[in-house]
Amino acid sequence: MAIEDGAVLARALRQESDIAAALDLYQRNRVDRTARIVEQSTANRRLFHLPSGSRESARVSRRQRGEDRNKWLYSYNPLTVPLT
């Protein structure tokens, strides 16, 4: 996320001449994605670190292997995503 943050911040600073406006543009474009990543990381902690190995195995076997999550997570390009 830090690399993405740096790329989006650099683009926002190039796009806006006012620093406050650039920081606002940066924040608008990062807050939802970073919040979603934190939420999914928290869910992974609960999923993969259960106290009982058998409960963990059963839970993981029922879970989708993450294709949708990985597609969303790794298809993001901070150099080309539209800044709104």
N, C-alpha and C. Protein backbone atom coordinates (compact mmCIF):
# COMPACT_ATOMS: atom_id res chain seq x y z
N MET A 1 0.83 -1.18 0.00
CA MET A 1 0.00 0.00 0.00
C MET A 1 0.87 1.24 0.00
N ALA A 2 2.04 1.18 0.62
CA ALA A 2 2.91 2.35 0.66
C ALA A 2 3.38 2.74 -0.73
N ILE A 3 3.68 1.75 -1.57
CA ILE A 3 4.10 2.05 -2.94
C ILE A 3 2.95 2.66 -3.71
N GLU A 4 1.76 2.09 -3.55
CA GLU A 4 0.58 2.67 -4.19
C GLU A 4 0.36 4.09 -3.70
N ASP A 5 0.46 4.29 -2.39
CA ASP A 5 0.28 5.63 -1.82
C ASP A 5 1.23 6.63 -2.46
N GLY A 6 2.49 6.25 -2.56
CA GLY A 6 3.49 7.14 -3.15
C GLY A 6 3.18 7.49 -4.59
N ALA A 7 2.77 6.50 -5.37
CA ALA A 7 2.45 6.74 -6.78
C ALA A 7 1.24 7.65 -6.92
N VAL A 8 0.20 7.40 -6.15
CA VAL A 8 -1.01 8.23 -6.24
C VAL A 8 -0.74 9.64 -5.71
N LEU A 9 0.03 9.75 -4.65
CA LEU A 9 0.37 11.07 -4.12
C LEU A 9 1.18 11.87 -5.15
N ALA A 10 2.14 11.24 -5.79
CA ALA A 10 2.93 11.95 -6.82
C ALA A 10 2.03 12.43 -7.95
N ARG A 11 1.12 11.58 -8.38
CA ARG A 11 0.19 11.99 -9.45
C ARG A 11 -0.71 13.13 -9.00
N ALA A 12 -1.20 13.06 -7.77
CA ALA A 12 -2.08 14.12 -7.26
C ALA A 12 -1.32 15.45 -7.18
N LEU A 13 -0.07 15.39 -6.76
CA LEU A 13 0.74 16.62 -6.68
C LEU A 13 1.03 17.19 -8.06
N ARG A 14 1.16 16.35 -9.06
CA ARG A 14 1.35 16.84 -10.44
C ARG A 14 0.06 17.41 -11.02
N GLN A 15 -1.06 16.82 -10.62
CA GLN A 15 -2.36 17.22 -11.18
C GLN A 15 -2.87 18.52 -10.58
N GLU A 16 -2.61 18.75 -9.31
CA GLU A 16 -3.14 19.94 -8.62
C GLU A 16 -1.99 20.89 -8.28
N SER A 17 -2.18 22.16 -8.55
CA SER A 17 -1.13 23.14 -8.24
C SER A 17 -1.13 23.52 -6.76
N ASP A 18 -2.27 23.39 -6.11
CA ASP A 18 -2.39 23.70 -4.69
C ASP A 18 -2.15 22.42 -3.87
N ILE A 19 -1.26 22.49 -2.90
CA ILE A 19 -0.91 21.30 -2.12
C ILE A 19 -2.11 20.76 -1.35
N ALA A 20 -2.90 21.64 -0.75
CA ALA A 20 -4.08 21.19 -0.01
C ALA A 20 -5.05 20.45 -0.94
N ALA A 21 -5.23 20.96 -2.14
CA ALA A 21 -6.12 20.30 -3.12
C ALA A 21 -5.53 18.96 -3.54
N ALA A 22 -4.22 18.89 -3.70
CA ALA A 22 -3.56 17.64 -4.07
C ALA A 22 -3.72 16.60 -2.97
N LEU A 23 -3.56 17.01 -1.73
CA LEU A 23 -3.72 16.08 -0.61
C LEU A 23 -5.16 15.60 -0.49
N ASP A 24 -6.11 16.48 -0.77
CA ASP A 24 -7.52 16.09 -0.75
C ASP A 24 -7.81 15.08 -1.87
N LEU A 25 -7.27 15.32 -3.06
CA LEU A 25 -7.43 14.40 -4.17
C LEU A 25 -6.83 13.04 -3.83
N TYR A 26 -5.64 13.05 -3.26
CA TYR A 26 -4.97 11.82 -2.83
C TYR A 26 -5.84 11.05 -1.83
N GLN A 27 -6.32 11.74 -0.81
CA GLN A 27 -7.12 11.08 0.22
C GLN A 27 -8.40 10.49 -0.36
N ARG A 28 -9.09 11.24 -1.19
CA ARG A 28 -10.33 10.75 -1.79
C ARG A 28 -10.09 9.46 -2.59
N ASN A 29 -8.94 9.36 -3.18
CA ASN A 29 -8.65 8.22 -4.04
C ASN A 29 -8.01 7.06 -3.32
N ARG A 30 -7.64 7.20 -2.07
CA ARG A 30 -6.99 6.11 -1.34
C ARG A 30 -7.80 5.56 -0.19
N VAL A 31 -8.66 6.34 0.41
CA VAL A 31 -9.31 5.94 1.66
C VAL A 31 -10.16 4.68 1.51
N ASP A 32 -10.95 4.57 0.46
CA ASP A 32 -11.81 3.38 0.31
C ASP A 32 -10.99 2.12 0.07
N ARG A 33 -9.98 2.22 -0.78
CA ARG A 33 -9.16 1.04 -1.08
C ARG A 33 -8.39 0.58 0.15
N THR A 34 -7.76 1.50 0.84
CA THR A 34 -6.97 1.10 2.01
C THR A 34 -7.87 0.55 3.12
N ALA A 35 -9.05 1.12 3.28
CA ALA A 35 -9.99 0.59 4.28
C ALA A 35 -10.41 -0.83 3.93
N ARG A 36 -10.66 -1.08 2.66
CA ARG A 36 -11.06 -2.43 2.24
C ARG A 36 -9.92 -3.43 2.47
N ILE A 37 -8.69 -3.03 2.19
CA ILE A 37 -7.56 -3.92 2.40
C ILE A 37 -7.40 -4.24 3.89
N VAL A 38 -7.56 -3.25 4.74
CA VAL A 38 -7.46 -3.48 6.18
C VAL A 38 -8.57 -4.43 6.64
N GLU A 39 -9.79 -4.22 6.16
CA GLU A 39 -10.90 -5.10 6.53
C GLU A 39 -10.62 -6.54 6.10
N GLN A 40 -10.12 -6.72 4.88
CA GLN A 40 -9.84 -8.07 4.40
C GLN A 40 -8.67 -8.71 5.15
N SER A 41 -7.70 -7.91 5.53
CA SER A 41 -6.59 -8.43 6.33
C SER A 41 -7.08 -8.90 7.69
N THR A 42 -7.98 -8.14 8.29
CA THR A 42 -8.56 -8.52 9.58
C THR A 42 -9.35 -9.82 9.44
N ALA A 43 -10.09 -9.94 8.35
CA ALA A 43 -10.85 -11.17 8.11
C ALA A 43 -9.90 -12.36 7.94
N ASN A 44 -8.78 -12.15 7.27
CA ASN A 44 -7.79 -13.22 7.10
C ASN A 44 -7.21 -13.63 8.45
N ARG A 45 -7.01 -12.68 9.33
CA ARG A 45 -6.49 -13.02 10.66
C ARG A 45 -7.45 -13.97 11.37
N ARG A 46 -8.74 -13.65 11.30
CA ARG A 46 -9.73 -14.52 11.93
C ARG A 46 -9.81 -15.87 11.23
N LEU A 47 -9.67 -15.86 9.91
CA LEU A 47 -9.79 -17.09 9.14
C LEU A 47 -8.61 -18.02 9.35
N PHE A 48 -7.41 -17.49 9.34
CA PHE A 48 -6.22 -18.33 9.32
C PHE A 48 -5.55 -18.52 10.68
N HIS A 49 -6.08 -17.89 11.71
CA HIS A 49 -5.45 -18.00 13.02
C HIS A 49 -6.45 -18.39 14.10
N LEU A 50 -7.22 -19.38 13.83
CA LEU A 50 -8.16 -19.89 14.82
C LEU A 50 -7.41 -20.75 15.84
N PRO A 51 -7.90 -20.83 17.04
CA PRO A 51 -7.20 -21.61 18.07
C PRO A 51 -7.20 -23.12 17.80
N SER A 52 -8.17 -23.62 17.09
CA SER A 52 -8.27 -25.06 16.84
C SER A 52 -7.91 -25.36 15.39
N GLY A 53 -6.95 -26.23 15.18
CA GLY A 53 -6.54 -26.59 13.84
C GLY A 53 -7.65 -27.22 13.02
N SER A 54 -8.46 -28.06 13.64
CA SER A 54 -9.54 -28.71 12.89
C SER A 54 -10.62 -27.70 12.50
N ARG A 55 -10.91 -26.77 13.39
CA ARG A 55 -11.89 -25.72 13.06
C ARG A 55 -11.35 -24.86 11.94
N GLU A 56 -10.07 -24.56 11.98
CA GLU A 56 -9.45 -23.75 10.94
C GLU A 56 -9.52 -24.46 9.60
N SER A 57 -9.18 -25.73 9.58
CA SER A 57 -9.21 -26.50 8.33
C SER A 57 -10.61 -26.52 7.73
N ALA A 58 -11.61 -26.75 8.55
CA ALA A 58 -12.99 -26.78 8.07
C ALA A 58 -13.41 -25.43 7.52
N ARG A 59 -13.03 -24.38 8.20
CA ARG A 59 -13.42 -23.04 7.76
C ARG A 59 -12.74 -22.68 6.45
N VAL A 60 -11.46 -22.97 6.32
CA VAL A 60 -10.72 -22.66 5.10
C VAL A 60 -11.28 -23.45 3.93
N SER A 61 -11.65 -24.70 4.15
CA SER A 61 -12.16 -25.53 3.05
C SER A 61 -13.47 -24.99 2.50
N ARG A 62 -14.24 -24.28 3.32
CA ARG A 62 -15.51 -23.71 2.86
C ARG A 62 -15.31 -22.37 2.16
N ARG A 63 -14.19 -21.76 2.34
CA ARG A 63 -13.95 -20.42 1.80
C ARG A 63 -13.48 -20.48 0.36
N GLN A 64 -13.97 -19.56 -0.43
CA GLN A 64 -13.47 -19.42 -1.79
C GLN A 64 -11.97 -19.16 -1.71
N ARG A 65 -11.23 -19.64 -2.62
CA ARG A 65 -9.78 -19.53 -2.57
C ARG A 65 -9.24 -18.13 -2.82
N GLY A 66 -10.09 -17.16 -3.00
CA GLY A 66 -9.65 -15.78 -3.07
C GLY A 66 -9.50 -15.23 -4.48
N GLU A 67 -10.07 -15.89 -5.47
CA GLU A 67 -9.91 -15.41 -6.84
C GLU A 67 -10.44 -13.99 -7.01
N ASP A 68 -11.64 -13.75 -6.50
CA ASP A 68 -12.22 -12.41 -6.64
C ASP A 68 -11.40 -11.38 -5.88
N ARG A 69 -10.99 -11.73 -4.66
CA ARG A 69 -10.21 -10.80 -3.85
C ARG A 69 -8.89 -10.51 -4.52
N ASN A 70 -8.22 -11.53 -5.00
CA ASN A 70 -6.92 -11.33 -5.63
C ASN A 70 -7.03 -10.52 -6.91
N LYS A 71 -8.08 -10.78 -7.69
CA LYS A 71 -8.27 -10.00 -8.92
C LYS A 71 -8.42 -8.52 -8.58
N TRP A 72 -9.28 -8.23 -7.61
CA TRP A 72 -9.49 -6.83 -7.21
C TRP A 72 -8.21 -6.24 -6.64
N LEU A 73 -7.52 -6.97 -5.80
CA LEU A 73 -6.34 -6.47 -5.12
C LEU A 73 -5.20 -6.22 -6.09
N TYR A 74 -4.93 -7.15 -6.98
CA TYR A 74 -3.74 -7.08 -7.82
C TYR A 74 -3.95 -6.47 -9.19
N SER A 75 -5.18 -6.18 -9.57
CA SER A 75 -5.40 -5.53 -10.86
C SER A 75 -5.32 -4.01 -10.76
N TYR A 76 -5.22 -3.49 -9.55
CA TYR A 76 -5.14 -2.04 -9.31
C TYR A 76 -3.78 -1.53 -9.77
N ASN A 77 -3.78 -0.49 -10.59
CA ASN A 77 -2.53 0.12 -11.04
C ASN A 77 -2.52 1.58 -10.59
N PRO A 78 -1.70 1.93 -9.60
CA PRO A 78 -1.71 3.30 -9.07
C PRO A 78 -1.20 4.33 -10.07
N LEU A 79 -0.56 3.88 -11.14
CA LEU A 79 -0.06 4.80 -12.16
C LEU A 79 -1.10 5.16 -13.20
N THR A 80 -2.16 4.36 -13.30
CA THR A 80 -3.17 4.61 -14.34
C THR A 80 -4.59 4.74 -13.82
N VAL A 81 -4.84 4.41 -12.56
CA VAL A 81 -6.20 4.51 -12.04
C VAL A 81 -6.66 5.97 -12.14
N PRO A 82 -7.89 6.20 -12.63
CA PRO A 82 -8.36 7.59 -12.71
C PRO A 82 -8.45 8.23 -11.33
N LEU A 83 -7.97 9.44 -11.22
CA LEU A 83 -8.07 10.20 -9.96
C LEU A 83 -9.29 11.10 -10.07
N THR A 84 -10.20 10.93 -9.12
CA THR A 84 -11.44 11.72 -9.17
C THR A 84 -11.59 12.58 -7.94
